[in-house]
Amino acid sequence: MRFLSDNTASVCPEILAAIHAANQGLTVAYGDDPWTARLDEVLGEFFGTPVRAFAVATGTAANSLALATLSPPYGAIYCPTEAHIACDECGAPGFFCGGAQLVTLEGEHGKITAGALAAALDAHPVSVHTVQPAAVSISQATELGTAYRPAEVAALCEAAHARGLHVHMDGARFANAVAYLGCHPGDLTWRAGVDVISFGATKNGALGAEAVVFFNRDLVRDFELRRKRAGHLLSKSRFVSAQLLAYVESGVWRRNAERANALARSLGEAAGKRLLHPVEANEVFVELGVDGKASLRAAGFEFYDWGPAAGGRARLVASWDQDERHVAALRAALTAS
C-alpha cells in the first residue's frame, strides 16, 4: 500500500490515448511537429494570456533551464528552505546557471513572504563582492503541501520586481493548488506577477511531460539554445507535447488533482492533531513517532520519512489513481494509533 510519492502513479487513460494517437506515421522532429506547434495557443488559453511554452521531460530540467534564463552565473536565486531546487535536484540549478547561488529563506508551512525577501535583500547590500540578486523561485503547491493564495503570490512578486528580480514558479503540483483554491490558473501566475512557470503534468497522470511557460515573453531570450545544449531538446517532441495538450484540453488536470486532494484530505482528517502542516494539496505531513512509523510499515504501508530516519515524522502522498481501499485502511490505522 504505497503512499510514497505521486511519481509512483500510473499514466491516466487520456494521456495514453493521446500518445497512441500521436504514434501514427512520420512527422517532423525536434519540435517542428503539429502537436508542439499548438503548445503556445493551448497553454495560452489555459492561463488566459499569450505565452511561449517549451516541452521538456523532467521537472528538474524545467526548473533549471527556466532559472538559467533568469539568472547570470553570478546571480542569487531566493527560495524557501524546503524548495525542491534546493533539496532534491543535486545542484542542477547552479549547474545549468553556470554557478548561480541559491539563497534559502525560512517561512511558515513552506511559504516565504514579501517581508522575508525584503529583509534578506536588505541584510546583504549588493557590491562587486557579492552575488547579484536575480530571481525568486517558489513552489505551488509547496514542498510541505500548502498553497500560496493569489494575494500572497502578488505581494511576493511586487517585492521582487521592485528590486529588479524575476519570479519563477515550480508548478510540479500546480494543478493540485488550483484545484484546492478553486481559482483560475492565471490568478496564481501572470496576473499575480509570475514571469515563468515550470508547469508539471508528470505527477498528475502524465508519462513524463513538463512545460516551461513564459508569461514575460521578453525573458525567453536564449532558452531554446540552453535547452538544446543541455540535452533536453527531444527529437520526438510530439509525444511530450501530445501529453500536455491532452492533459489540459481533456480537463484531466483538474479531475486527477481533485481526486488526489480529496484522498489526502481524508488522511489528514484521520491524522488529526498530529498534522504538521495544513493539507491543501495531495501531501500529508504527520508526526507518527518512531513506533508509529514502524507499526504502519509492519501493516504494509509504504511512505517516506520526513527528516531523519530515526525521527518520528512522515510524509504521505495520495496519487490521482490511489486505491481507495488502501486509503480507507490507512485512515483506520491512523485513527486507531
Protein backbone atom coordinates (compact mmCIF):
# COMPACT_ATOMS: atom_id res chain seq x y z
CA MET A 1 0.00 0.00 0.00
CA ARG A 2 2.12 2.81 -1.40
CA PHE A 3 1.90 6.41 -0.23
CA LEU A 4 5.50 7.18 -1.19
CA SER A 5 5.03 9.75 -3.94
CA ASP A 6 2.76 10.77 -6.80
CA ASN A 7 5.68 9.79 -9.04
CA THR A 8 4.70 6.17 -8.36
CA ALA A 9 1.33 6.69 -10.06
CA SER A 10 0.29 5.21 -13.36
CA VAL A 11 -0.40 7.11 -16.59
CA CYS A 12 -4.04 8.07 -16.96
CA PRO A 13 -6.05 6.70 -19.94
CA GLU A 14 -6.47 10.06 -21.65
CA ILE A 15 -2.71 10.57 -21.75
CA LEU A 16 -2.09 7.07 -23.09
CA ALA A 17 -4.72 7.66 -25.76
CA ALA A 18 -3.02 10.91 -26.78
CA ILE A 19 0.34 9.15 -27.07
CA HIS A 20 -1.24 6.43 -29.19
CA ALA A 21 -2.92 9.00 -31.44
CA ALA A 22 0.41 10.79 -31.93
CA ASN A 23 2.11 7.49 -32.75
CA GLN A 24 0.80 7.34 -36.30
CA GLY A 25 3.12 7.84 -39.25
CA LEU A 26 6.04 10.16 -39.78
CA THR A 27 6.29 13.77 -38.71
CA VAL A 28 8.94 16.46 -38.46
CA ALA A 29 11.26 16.10 -35.47
CA TYR A 30 12.75 18.42 -32.83
CA GLY A 31 9.60 20.34 -32.02
CA ASP A 32 8.50 21.27 -35.53
CA ASP A 33 5.58 18.85 -35.35
CA PRO A 34 1.87 19.86 -35.27
CA TRP A 35 1.45 18.95 -31.58
CA THR A 36 4.33 21.12 -30.37
CA ALA A 37 3.20 23.94 -32.67
CA ARG A 38 -0.06 24.13 -30.67
CA LEU A 39 1.50 24.42 -27.21
CA ASP A 40 1.64 28.22 -27.13
CA GLU A 41 -2.01 28.53 -28.16
CA VAL A 42 -3.42 25.84 -25.87
CA LEU A 43 -1.42 26.78 -22.79
CA GLY A 44 -2.14 30.43 -23.52
CA GLU A 45 -5.86 29.64 -23.40
CA PHE A 46 -5.36 27.64 -20.21
CA PHE A 47 -3.65 30.53 -18.44
CA GLY A 48 -5.67 33.26 -20.14
CA THR A 49 -2.79 35.18 -21.71
CA PRO A 50 -0.32 34.82 -24.60
CA VAL A 51 2.64 32.63 -23.63
CA ARG A 52 5.73 30.96 -25.00
CA ALA A 53 5.81 27.31 -23.96
CA PHE A 54 8.56 24.73 -24.29
CA ALA A 55 8.22 21.00 -23.65
CA VAL A 56 10.76 19.09 -21.59
CA ALA A 57 10.69 15.65 -20.00
CA THR A 58 11.58 16.32 -16.36
CA GLY A 59 10.79 18.81 -13.64
CA THR A 60 14.46 19.29 -12.82
CA ALA A 61 15.13 20.31 -16.41
CA ALA A 62 12.15 22.65 -16.40
CA ASN A 63 13.21 24.36 -13.19
CA SER A 64 16.90 24.58 -14.00
CA LEU A 65 16.52 25.80 -17.58
CA ALA A 66 13.92 28.36 -16.53
CA LEU A 67 16.18 29.70 -13.80
CA ALA A 68 19.17 29.74 -16.14
CA THR A 69 17.30 32.23 -18.32
CA LEU A 70 16.59 34.44 -15.30
CA SER A 71 19.94 34.44 -13.53
CA PRO A 72 23.54 35.04 -14.64
CA PRO A 73 26.32 32.81 -13.27
CA TYR A 74 27.00 35.40 -10.57
CA GLY A 75 23.34 35.67 -9.61
CA ALA A 76 21.41 34.81 -6.45
CA ILE A 77 18.14 32.89 -6.57
CA TYR A 78 15.99 33.20 -3.44
CA CYS A 79 13.80 30.27 -2.48
CA PRO A 80 12.25 28.56 0.57
CA THR A 81 14.49 26.35 2.68
CA GLU A 82 12.45 23.29 1.68
CA ALA A 83 12.39 24.14 -2.05
CA HIS A 84 12.80 21.25 -4.46
CA ILE A 85 15.53 23.18 -6.28
CA ALA A 86 17.46 23.42 -3.01
CA CYS A 87 16.93 19.92 -1.62
CA ASP A 88 16.16 17.49 -4.43
CA GLU A 89 17.87 18.49 -7.66
CA CYS A 90 21.52 17.62 -6.97
CA GLY A 91 22.75 21.16 -7.63
CA ALA A 92 21.17 21.25 -11.10
CA PRO A 93 20.01 24.91 -10.92
CA GLY A 94 23.52 26.09 -10.13
CA PHE A 95 24.97 23.81 -12.80
CA PHE A 96 22.59 24.98 -15.54
CA CYS A 97 23.02 28.62 -14.48
CA GLY A 98 26.80 28.27 -14.59
CA GLY A 99 27.28 28.91 -10.89
CA ALA A 100 24.31 30.91 -9.60
CA GLN A 101 23.80 30.61 -5.86
CA LEU A 102 20.60 29.53 -4.12
CA VAL A 103 19.77 31.64 -1.07
CA THR A 104 17.24 29.89 1.15
CA LEU A 105 14.69 31.72 3.27
CA GLU A 106 12.72 30.41 6.22
CA GLY A 107 8.94 30.54 6.07
CA GLU A 108 5.82 29.13 7.65
CA HIS A 109 4.46 25.88 6.18
CA GLY A 110 6.87 26.06 3.25
CA LYS A 111 5.90 29.56 2.09
CA ILE A 112 8.09 32.65 2.04
CA THR A 113 6.74 36.18 2.25
CA ALA A 114 7.46 39.52 0.66
CA GLY A 115 8.74 40.71 4.03
CA ALA A 116 11.19 37.84 4.32
CA LEU A 117 12.52 38.53 0.84
CA ALA A 118 12.92 42.25 1.55
CA ALA A 119 14.69 41.53 4.84
CA ALA A 120 17.12 39.14 3.13
CA LEU A 121 17.91 41.66 0.43
CA ASP A 122 18.38 44.46 2.95
CA ALA A 123 20.68 42.32 5.09
CA HIS A 124 23.22 41.91 2.29
CA PRO A 125 23.83 45.12 0.38
CA VAL A 126 24.96 44.44 -3.16
CA SER A 127 28.51 45.21 -4.23
CA VAL A 128 31.12 43.81 -6.59
CA HIS A 129 31.98 41.31 -3.84
CA THR A 130 28.51 39.73 -3.62
CA VAL A 131 26.29 37.56 -5.74
CA GLN A 132 23.77 39.74 -7.56
CA PRO A 133 20.08 39.22 -6.69
CA ALA A 134 18.44 37.87 -9.83
CA ALA A 135 15.36 35.77 -9.15
CA VAL A 136 12.88 34.32 -6.69
CA SER A 137 11.59 30.76 -7.00
CA ILE A 138 8.51 29.46 -5.19
CA SER A 139 6.68 26.14 -5.41
CA GLN A 140 2.94 25.88 -5.98
CA ALA A 141 1.86 23.74 -4.23
CA THR A 142 4.76 23.98 -1.78
CA GLU A 143 7.04 21.17 -0.69
CA LEU A 144 5.02 20.99 2.54
CA GLY A 145 1.70 20.56 0.77
CA THR A 146 0.38 24.09 1.21
CA ALA A 147 -0.84 26.58 -1.38
CA TYR A 148 0.06 30.22 -1.85
CA ARG A 149 -3.04 32.39 -2.17
CA PRO A 150 -3.14 34.77 -5.16
CA ALA A 151 -2.59 37.77 -2.86
CA GLU A 152 0.48 36.12 -1.33
CA VAL A 153 1.98 35.49 -4.76
CA ALA A 154 1.18 39.04 -5.85
CA ALA A 155 2.83 40.57 -2.78
CA LEU A 156 5.96 38.47 -3.28
CA CYS A 157 6.13 39.31 -6.99
CA GLU A 158 5.68 43.00 -6.29
CA ALA A 159 8.53 42.94 -3.78
CA ALA A 160 10.75 41.01 -6.18
CA HIS A 161 10.05 43.19 -9.20
CA ALA A 162 10.62 46.36 -7.16
CA ARG A 163 14.20 45.13 -6.60
CA GLY A 164 14.72 44.05 -10.20
CA LEU A 165 14.26 40.31 -9.57
CA HIS A 166 12.21 37.99 -11.76
CA VAL A 167 9.86 35.34 -10.35
CA HIS A 168 9.83 31.64 -11.20
CA MET A 169 7.19 29.20 -10.03
CA ASP A 170 7.88 25.48 -9.64
CA GLY A 171 4.50 24.10 -10.63
CA ALA A 172 5.14 20.37 -10.29
CA ARG A 173 1.85 20.19 -8.33
CA PHE A 174 0.28 23.32 -9.79
CA ALA A 175 -2.96 21.52 -10.63
CA ASN A 176 -3.37 20.45 -7.01
CA ALA A 177 -3.01 24.04 -5.83
CA VAL A 178 -5.51 25.36 -8.38
CA ALA A 179 -7.98 22.61 -7.51
CA TYR A 180 -7.70 23.40 -3.81
CA LEU A 181 -8.05 27.16 -4.20
CA GLY A 182 -10.77 26.97 -6.84
CA CYS A 183 -9.32 29.87 -8.79
CA HIS A 184 -8.27 30.45 -12.40
CA PRO A 185 -4.71 29.33 -13.30
CA GLY A 186 -3.95 32.90 -14.32
CA ASP A 187 -4.80 34.20 -10.85
CA LEU A 188 -1.85 32.31 -9.38
CA THR A 189 0.61 33.14 -12.13
CA TRP A 190 0.80 36.05 -14.57
CA ARG A 191 -1.97 38.13 -13.01
CA ALA A 192 -0.05 37.95 -9.73
CA GLY A 193 3.22 38.82 -11.46
CA VAL A 194 4.90 35.43 -12.07
CA ASP A 195 7.29 35.62 -15.01
CA VAL A 196 7.75 31.93 -15.80
CA ILE A 197 6.35 28.63 -14.51
CA SER A 198 7.58 25.06 -14.68
CA PHE A 199 4.20 23.53 -15.48
CA GLY A 200 4.14 19.92 -14.38
CA ALA A 201 1.93 17.07 -15.57
CA THR A 202 4.01 14.01 -14.67
CA LYS A 203 2.89 13.77 -11.03
CA ASN A 204 -0.75 14.13 -12.03
CA GLY A 205 -1.25 11.46 -14.68
CA ALA A 206 1.28 12.03 -17.48
CA LEU A 207 4.05 9.67 -18.54
CA GLY A 208 6.79 12.29 -18.45
CA ALA A 209 5.70 15.73 -19.57
CA GLU A 210 6.60 19.18 -18.27
CA ALA A 211 6.49 22.60 -19.86
CA VAL A 212 8.42 25.79 -19.26
CA VAL A 213 5.85 28.52 -19.79
CA PHE A 214 6.96 32.15 -20.12
CA PHE A 215 4.38 34.81 -19.32
CA ASN A 216 7.01 37.53 -19.73
CA ARG A 217 7.95 36.59 -23.26
CA ASP A 218 10.81 39.10 -23.32
CA LEU A 219 12.65 36.72 -20.98
CA VAL A 220 12.67 33.80 -23.42
CA ARG A 221 15.92 35.08 -24.95
CA ASP A 222 18.25 32.10 -25.44
CA PHE A 223 16.08 29.45 -23.79
CA GLU A 224 15.92 27.28 -26.90
CA LEU A 225 19.70 27.21 -27.19
CA ARG A 226 20.08 26.41 -23.49
CA ARG A 227 17.60 23.56 -23.83
CA LYS A 228 19.47 22.12 -26.81
CA ARG A 229 22.88 22.48 -25.14
CA ALA A 230 21.57 20.76 -22.01
CA GLY A 231 20.32 17.76 -23.98
CA HIS A 232 16.63 18.44 -23.44
CA LEU A 233 15.50 19.20 -26.97
CA LEU A 234 13.72 15.92 -27.65
CA SER A 235 13.82 14.61 -31.19
CA LYS A 236 10.35 13.08 -30.82
CA SER A 237 8.83 16.08 -29.06
CA ARG A 238 5.38 15.21 -30.34
CA PHE A 239 4.96 12.57 -27.64
CA VAL A 240 5.58 15.03 -24.81
CA SER A 241 3.57 17.79 -26.45
CA ALA A 242 0.65 15.43 -27.12
CA GLN A 243 0.56 14.60 -23.43
CA LEU A 244 0.49 18.26 -22.41
CA LEU A 245 -2.27 19.05 -24.90
CA ALA A 246 -4.41 16.16 -23.71
CA TYR A 247 -3.72 17.00 -20.06
CA VAL A 248 -5.10 20.50 -20.50
CA GLU A 249 -7.76 20.08 -23.17
CA SER A 250 -9.44 16.99 -21.67
CA GLY A 251 -9.64 18.51 -18.21
CA VAL A 252 -7.90 15.56 -16.55
CA TRP A 253 -5.54 18.02 -14.87
CA ARG A 254 -8.39 19.15 -12.64
CA ARG A 255 -10.13 15.79 -12.26
CA ASN A 256 -6.97 13.99 -11.22
CA ALA A 257 -5.88 16.76 -8.87
CA GLU A 258 -9.28 16.97 -7.18
CA ARG A 259 -9.31 13.25 -6.51
CA ALA A 260 -5.77 13.18 -5.12
CA ASN A 261 -6.51 16.21 -2.96
CA ALA A 262 -9.69 14.68 -1.59
CA LEU A 263 -7.92 11.46 -0.64
CA ALA A 264 -5.12 13.38 1.08
CA ARG A 265 -7.66 15.50 2.93
CA SER A 266 -9.33 12.37 4.28
CA LEU A 267 -5.96 11.12 5.56
CA GLY A 268 -5.34 14.48 7.16
CA GLU A 269 -8.64 14.28 8.97
CA ALA A 270 -7.67 10.88 10.35
CA ALA A 271 -4.28 12.18 11.47
CA GLY A 272 -5.96 14.95 13.46
CA LYS A 273 -3.73 16.85 15.86
CA ARG A 274 -0.65 15.02 14.62
CA LEU A 275 -0.68 17.03 11.39
CA LEU A 276 2.44 19.13 10.91
CA HIS A 277 1.06 21.33 8.12
CA PRO A 278 -2.36 22.12 6.65
CA VAL A 279 -3.45 19.66 3.96
CA GLU A 280 -4.06 21.87 0.93
CA ALA A 281 -2.91 19.62 -1.90
CA ASN A 282 -2.13 15.89 -2.05
CA GLU A 283 0.59 15.61 0.60
CA VAL A 284 0.12 14.89 4.29
CA PHE A 285 2.86 15.52 6.85
CA VAL A 286 2.29 13.86 10.18
CA GLU A 287 4.06 13.22 13.49
CA LEU A 288 3.79 9.47 13.97
CA GLY A 289 6.64 8.79 16.37
CA VAL A 290 9.23 6.12 15.75
CA ASP A 291 6.99 3.32 16.98
CA GLY A 292 4.05 4.66 15.00
CA LYS A 293 6.02 4.60 11.77
CA ALA A 294 7.23 1.09 12.44
CA SER A 295 3.70 -0.08 13.17
CA LEU A 296 2.32 1.31 9.92
CA ARG A 297 5.14 -0.20 7.91
CA ALA A 298 4.62 -3.56 9.56
CA ALA A 299 1.00 -3.33 8.44
CA GLY A 300 2.09 -2.90 4.83
CA PHE A 301 2.06 0.86 4.34
CA GLU A 302 4.93 2.47 2.45
CA PHE A 303 5.85 6.12 2.89
CA TYR A 304 8.90 8.33 3.22
CA ASP A 305 10.39 9.60 6.42
CA TRP A 306 10.33 13.36 6.69
CA GLY A 307 13.57 14.43 8.28
CA PRO A 308 15.90 11.96 9.98
CA ALA A 309 15.01 8.30 9.59
CA ALA A 310 15.33 7.96 13.36
CA GLY A 311 12.77 10.75 13.84
CA GLY A 312 9.03 10.40 14.10
CA ARG A 313 7.85 12.41 11.12
CA ALA A 314 6.46 11.04 7.87
CA ARG A 315 5.15 12.23 4.52
CA LEU A 316 2.12 10.53 3.00
CA VAL A 317 1.26 11.29 -0.63
CA ALA A 318 -2.05 10.49 -2.32
CA SER A 319 -1.82 9.92 -6.06
CA TRP A 320 -4.52 10.53 -8.65
CA ASP A 321 -5.05 6.77 -9.01
CA GLN A 322 -4.68 5.78 -5.35
CA ASP A 323 -6.68 2.70 -4.38
CA GLU A 324 -9.50 3.88 -2.12
CA ARG A 325 -9.31 0.62 -0.17
CA HIS A 326 -5.73 1.47 0.77
CA VAL A 327 -6.78 4.97 1.78
CA ALA A 328 -9.55 3.54 3.96
CA ALA A 329 -7.09 1.12 5.55
CA LEU A 330 -4.60 3.89 6.28
CA ARG A 331 -7.34 6.09 7.69
CA ALA A 332 -8.35 3.30 10.05
CA ALA A 333 -4.76 2.71 11.10
CA LEU A 334 -4.19 6.41 11.76
CA THR A 335 -7.40 6.70 13.73
CA ALA A 336 -6.55 3.65 15.83
CA SER A 337 -2.97 4.68 16.58
